[in-house]
Amino acid sequence: MTNRTRVNVYLAPELLGEVKTLALRRKVAQSKIVEAAVASFLSGDSGEHLEAAMSRRLDKLGRQIDTLDEDLAVLGETVSLFVQFWMTITPPLPEGAQSVARTKGTERFEGFLQTLGKRLATGDRFLKELSRDIEPTSEALADDIPVQP
């Protein structure tokens, strides 16, 4: 066991509350939290730690943006192909059938929205399923981006 010297300090109630909360969450003694904070304050490299943490966070955000960009490209291409296919195979309706078709279309669209709402509520996403099925590209491997199987 290391030798320690007891020190009495005064902390603002809010700060003491934060120390207690962090100690409970990490399951360590409050003195460990305060000791680590003082050591961090006294060390001259806190700026370097902050810069490294920011750099890691920015890298992570960059990868997330790249993923969103890929997902958006897939989504745009999917909608484009669907519309092209739909326009190609669907003949225009005669004037007399358009009213019935609008009513039925509205009914079907409501069903679509309900299904979409249920799927979004469960967290299931088409793009997540799709990304699991796509093999990693050599470009992704070259960038050392971790690819999940």
C-alpha atoms as a PDB file:
ATOM      1  CA  MET A   1       0.000   0.000   0.000  1.00  0.00           C
ATOM      2  CA  THR A   2       1.323   3.443  -0.865  1.00  0.00           C
ATOM      3  CA  ASN A   3       1.773   6.153   1.731  1.00  0.00           C
ATOM      4  CA  ARG A   4      -0.758   8.887   1.436  1.00  0.00           C
ATOM      5  CA  THR A   5      -1.208  12.130   3.285  1.00  0.00           C
ATOM      6  CA  ARG A   6      -4.666  13.243   4.256  1.00  0.00           C
ATOM      7  CA  VAL A   7      -5.612  16.692   2.948  1.00  0.00           C
ATOM      8  CA  ASN A   8      -8.740  18.649   3.764  1.00  0.00           C
ATOM      9  CA  VAL A   9     -10.059  20.837   0.960  1.00  0.00           C
ATOM     10  CA  TYR A  10     -13.199  22.828   0.385  1.00  0.00           C
ATOM     11  CA  LEU A  11     -15.196  22.151  -2.779  1.00  0.00           C
ATOM     12  CA  ALA A  12     -18.300  23.808  -4.128  1.00  0.00           C
ATOM     13  CA  PRO A  13     -21.354  21.610  -3.466  1.00  0.00           C
ATOM     14  CA  GLU A  14     -21.973  21.179  -7.211  1.00  0.00           C
ATOM     15  CA  LEU A  15     -18.400  20.062  -7.807  1.00  0.00           C
ATOM     16  CA  LEU A  16     -18.512  17.655  -4.880  1.00  0.00           C
ATOM     17  CA  GLY A  17     -21.740  16.231  -6.299  1.00  0.00           C
ATOM     18  CA  GLU A  18     -20.026  15.627  -9.631  1.00  0.00           C
ATOM     19  CA  VAL A  19     -17.093  13.918  -7.892  1.00  0.00           C
ATOM     20  CA  LYS A  20     -19.470  11.664  -5.948  1.00  0.00           C
ATOM     21  CA  THR A  21     -21.454  10.809  -9.083  1.00  0.00           C
ATOM     22  CA  LEU A  22     -18.326   9.971 -11.066  1.00  0.00           C
ATOM     23  CA  ALA A  23     -16.932   7.888  -8.204  1.00  0.00           C
ATOM     24  CA  LEU A  24     -20.164   5.895  -7.996  1.00  0.00           C
ATOM     25  CA  ARG A  25     -20.345   5.423 -11.749  1.00  0.00           C
ATOM     26  CA  ARG A  26     -16.734   4.244 -11.998  1.00  0.00           C
ATOM     27  CA  LYS A  27     -16.885   2.388  -8.671  1.00  0.00           C
ATOM     28  CA  VAL A  28     -13.768   4.035  -7.266  1.00  0.00           C
ATOM     29  CA  ALA A  29     -13.076   6.123  -4.185  1.00  0.00           C
ATOM     30  CA  GLN A  30     -13.727   9.848  -4.348  1.00  0.00           C
ATOM     31  CA  SER A  31     -10.110  10.472  -3.359  1.00  0.00           C
ATOM     32  CA  LYS A  32      -8.984   8.626  -6.528  1.00  0.00           C
ATOM     33  CA  ILE A  33     -11.090  10.985  -8.661  1.00  0.00           C
ATOM     34  CA  VAL A  34      -9.704  14.077  -6.915  1.00  0.00           C
ATOM     35  CA  GLU A  35      -6.139  12.721  -7.056  1.00  0.00           C
ATOM     36  CA  ALA A  36      -6.431  12.072 -10.804  1.00  0.00           C
ATOM     37  CA  ALA A  37      -7.870  15.553 -11.359  1.00  0.00           C
ATOM     38  CA  VAL A  38      -5.046  17.221  -9.413  1.00  0.00           C
ATOM     39  CA  ALA A  39      -2.411  15.135 -11.230  1.00  0.00           C
ATOM     40  CA  SER A  40      -3.936  16.072 -14.566  1.00  0.00           C
ATOM     41  CA  PHE A  41      -4.022  19.738 -13.585  1.00  0.00           C
ATOM     42  CA  LEU A  42      -0.386  19.728 -12.487  1.00  0.00           C
ATOM     43  CA  SER A  43       0.929  17.866 -15.532  1.00  0.00           C
ATOM     44  CA  GLY A  44       1.988  20.105 -18.377  1.00  0.00           C
ATOM     45  CA  ASP A  45       0.733  17.823 -21.136  1.00  0.00           C
ATOM     46  CA  SER A  46      -3.006  18.329 -20.646  1.00  0.00           C
ATOM     47  CA  GLY A  47      -3.122  20.247 -23.917  1.00  0.00           C
ATOM     48  CA  GLU A  48      -1.603  17.303 -25.738  1.00  0.00           C
ATOM     49  CA  HIS A  49      -4.153  14.929 -24.190  1.00  0.00           C
ATOM     50  CA  LEU A  50      -6.961  17.243 -25.240  1.00  0.00           C
ATOM     51  CA  GLU A  51      -5.564  17.510 -28.757  1.00  0.00           C
ATOM     52  CA  ALA A  52      -5.231  13.725 -29.034  1.00  0.00           C
ATOM     53  CA  ALA A  53      -8.784  13.226 -27.766  1.00  0.00           C
ATOM     54  CA  MET A  54     -10.113  15.819 -30.209  1.00  0.00           C
ATOM     55  CA  SER A  55      -8.176  14.212 -33.035  1.00  0.00           C
ATOM     56  CA  ARG A  56      -9.651  10.783 -32.241  1.00  0.00           C
ATOM     57  CA  ARG A  57     -13.140  12.276 -32.044  1.00  0.00           C
ATOM     58  CA  LEU A  58     -12.728  14.109 -35.351  1.00  0.00           C
ATOM     59  CA  ASP A  59     -11.468  10.916 -37.000  1.00  0.00           C
ATOM     60  CA  LYS A  60     -14.513   9.061 -35.720  1.00  0.00           C
ATOM     61  CA  LEU A  61     -16.836  11.817 -36.955  1.00  0.00           C
ATOM     62  CA  GLY A  62     -15.112  11.717 -40.340  1.00  0.00           C
ATOM     63  CA  ARG A  63     -15.719   7.973 -40.630  1.00  0.00           C
ATOM     64  CA  GLN A  64     -19.353   8.467 -39.618  1.00  0.00           C
ATOM     65  CA  ILE A  65     -19.777  11.157 -42.268  1.00  0.00           C
ATOM     66  CA  ASP A  66     -18.228   8.848 -44.868  1.00  0.00           C
ATOM     67  CA  THR A  67     -20.715   6.130 -43.874  1.00  0.00           C
ATOM     68  CA  LEU A  68     -23.618   8.577 -44.106  1.00  0.00           C
ATOM     69  CA  ASP A  69     -22.365   9.730 -47.500  1.00  0.00           C
ATOM     70  CA  GLU A  70     -22.283   6.140 -48.760  1.00  0.00           C
ATOM     71  CA  ASP A  71     -25.737   5.446 -47.312  1.00  0.00           C
ATOM     72  CA  LEU A  72     -27.119   8.574 -48.966  1.00  0.00           C
ATOM     73  CA  ALA A  73     -25.624   7.551 -52.319  1.00  0.00           C
ATOM     74  CA  VAL A  74     -27.215   4.088 -52.010  1.00  0.00           C
ATOM     75  CA  LEU A  75     -30.538   5.645 -51.063  1.00  0.00           C
ATOM     76  CA  GLY A  76     -30.452   8.121 -53.951  1.00  0.00           C
ATOM     77  CA  GLU A  77     -29.561   5.423 -56.465  1.00  0.00           C
ATOM     78  CA  THR A  78     -32.276   3.127 -55.082  1.00  0.00           C
ATOM     79  CA  VAL A  79     -34.965   5.785 -55.433  1.00  0.00           C
ATOM     80  CA  SER A  80     -33.723   6.707 -58.904  1.00  0.00           C
ATOM     81  CA  LEU A  81     -33.809   3.105 -60.138  1.00  0.00           C
ATOM     82  CA  PHE A  82     -37.234   2.526 -58.591  1.00  0.00           C
ATOM     83  CA  VAL A  83     -38.722   5.614 -60.253  1.00  0.00           C
ATOM     84  CA  GLN A  84     -37.167   4.706 -63.601  1.00  0.00           C
ATOM     85  CA  PHE A  85     -38.494   1.139 -63.355  1.00  0.00           C
ATOM     86  CA  TRP A  86     -41.932   2.319 -62.210  1.00  0.00           C
ATOM     87  CA  MET A  87     -42.232   4.832 -65.065  1.00  0.00           C
ATOM     88  CA  THR A  88     -41.140   2.199 -67.570  1.00  0.00           C
ATOM     89  CA  ILE A  89     -43.630  -0.520 -66.628  1.00  0.00           C
ATOM     90  CA  THR A  90     -46.666   1.502 -65.467  1.00  0.00           C
ATOM     91  CA  PRO A  91     -48.967   2.638 -68.268  1.00  0.00           C
ATOM     92  CA  PRO A  92     -51.007   5.826 -67.771  1.00  0.00           C
ATOM     93  CA  LEU A  93     -54.567   5.293 -66.492  1.00  0.00           C
ATOM     94  CA  PRO A  94     -57.627   6.280 -68.471  1.00  0.00           C
ATOM     95  CA  GLU A  95     -59.509   9.352 -67.190  1.00  0.00           C
ATOM     96  CA  GLY A  96     -62.360   7.309 -65.663  1.00  0.00           C
ATOM     97  CA  ALA A  97     -60.061   5.077 -63.581  1.00  0.00           C
ATOM     98  CA  GLN A  98     -57.957   7.866 -62.073  1.00  0.00           C
ATOM     99  CA  SER A  99     -60.372   8.710 -59.243  1.00  0.00           C
ATOM    100  CA  VAL A 100     -60.532   5.091 -58.043  1.00  0.00           C
ATOM    101  CA  ALA A 101     -56.755   4.776 -58.438  1.00  0.00           C
ATOM    102  CA  ARG A 102     -56.167   7.919 -56.323  1.00  0.00           C
ATOM    103  CA  THR A 103     -58.389   6.562 -53.548  1.00  0.00           C
ATOM    104  CA  LYS A 104     -56.687   3.167 -53.604  1.00  0.00           C
ATOM    105  CA  GLY A 105     -53.260   4.833 -53.840  1.00  0.00           C
ATOM    106  CA  THR A 106     -53.981   6.960 -50.764  1.00  0.00           C
ATOM    107  CA  GLU A 107     -55.075   3.849 -48.865  1.00  0.00           C
ATOM    108  CA  ARG A 108     -51.951   1.938 -49.881  1.00  0.00           C
ATOM    109  CA  PHE A 109     -49.721   4.913 -49.037  1.00  0.00           C
ATOM    110  CA  GLU A 110     -51.195   5.063 -45.520  1.00  0.00           C
ATOM    111  CA  GLY A 111     -50.348   1.365 -45.119  1.00  0.00           C
ATOM    112  CA  PHE A 112     -46.832   2.081 -46.348  1.00  0.00           C
ATOM    113  CA  LEU A 113     -46.412   4.884 -43.795  1.00  0.00           C
ATOM    114  CA  GLN A 114     -47.607   2.624 -40.981  1.00  0.00           C
ATOM    115  CA  THR A 115     -45.180  -0.105 -42.008  1.00  0.00           C
ATOM    116  CA  LEU A 116     -42.370   2.451 -42.279  1.00  0.00           C
ATOM    117  CA  GLY A 117     -43.170   3.835 -38.831  1.00  0.00           C
ATOM    118  CA  LYS A 118     -43.096   0.360 -37.291  1.00  0.00           C
ATOM    119  CA  ARG A 119     -39.785  -0.459 -38.961  1.00  0.00           C
ATOM    120  CA  LEU A 120     -38.193   2.802 -37.841  1.00  0.00           C
ATOM    121  CA  ALA A 121     -39.486   2.274 -34.290  1.00  0.00           C
ATOM    122  CA  THR A 122     -37.782  -1.138 -34.077  1.00  0.00           C
ATOM    123  CA  GLY A 123     -34.442   0.251 -35.260  1.00  0.00           C
ATOM    124  CA  ASP A 124     -34.292  -2.084 -38.259  1.00  0.00           C
ATOM    125  CA  ARG A 125     -32.808  -0.228 -41.190  1.00  0.00           C
ATOM    126  CA  PHE A 126     -32.483  -1.323 -44.803  1.00  0.00           C
ATOM    127  CA  LEU A 127     -29.091   0.323 -45.125  1.00  0.00           C
ATOM    128  CA  LYS A 128     -27.770  -1.503 -42.036  1.00  0.00           C
ATOM    129  CA  GLU A 129     -28.904  -4.810 -43.527  1.00  0.00           C
ATOM    130  CA  LEU A 130     -27.411  -3.857 -46.879  1.00  0.00           C
ATOM    131  CA  SER A 131     -24.067  -2.837 -45.372  1.00  0.00           C
ATOM    132  CA  ARG A 132     -23.780  -6.263 -43.712  1.00  0.00           C
ATOM    133  CA  ASP A 133     -24.274  -7.956 -47.068  1.00  0.00           C
ATOM    134  CA  ILE A 134     -21.738  -5.915 -49.055  1.00  0.00           C
ATOM    135  CA  GLU A 135     -18.176  -7.217 -49.218  1.00  0.00           C
ATOM    136  CA  PRO A 136     -15.446  -4.756 -48.207  1.00  0.00           C
ATOM    137  CA  THR A 137     -13.763  -2.948 -51.076  1.00  0.00           C
ATOM    138  CA  SER A 138     -10.027  -2.749 -51.524  1.00  0.00           C
ATOM    139  CA  GLU A 139     -10.340   1.025 -50.996  1.00  0.00           C
ATOM    140  CA  ALA A 140     -11.860   0.500 -47.533  1.00  0.00           C
ATOM    141  CA  LEU A 141      -9.113  -1.956 -46.665  1.00  0.00           C
ATOM    142  CA  ALA A 142      -6.444   0.449 -47.876  1.00  0.00           C
ATOM    143  CA  ASP A 143      -7.783   3.162 -45.562  1.00  0.00           C
ATOM    144  CA  ASP A 144      -7.539   0.796 -42.572  1.00  0.00           C
ATOM    145  CA  ILE A 145     -11.208   1.304 -41.851  1.00  0.00           C
ATOM    146  CA  PRO A 146     -12.489  -1.536 -39.691  1.00  0.00           C
ATOM    147  CA  VAL A 147     -15.057  -3.527 -41.638  1.00  0.00           C
ATOM    148  CA  GLN A 148     -17.575  -5.557 -39.669  1.00  0.00           C
ATOM    149  CA  PRO A 149     -18.520  -8.973 -41.078  1.00  0.00           C
END
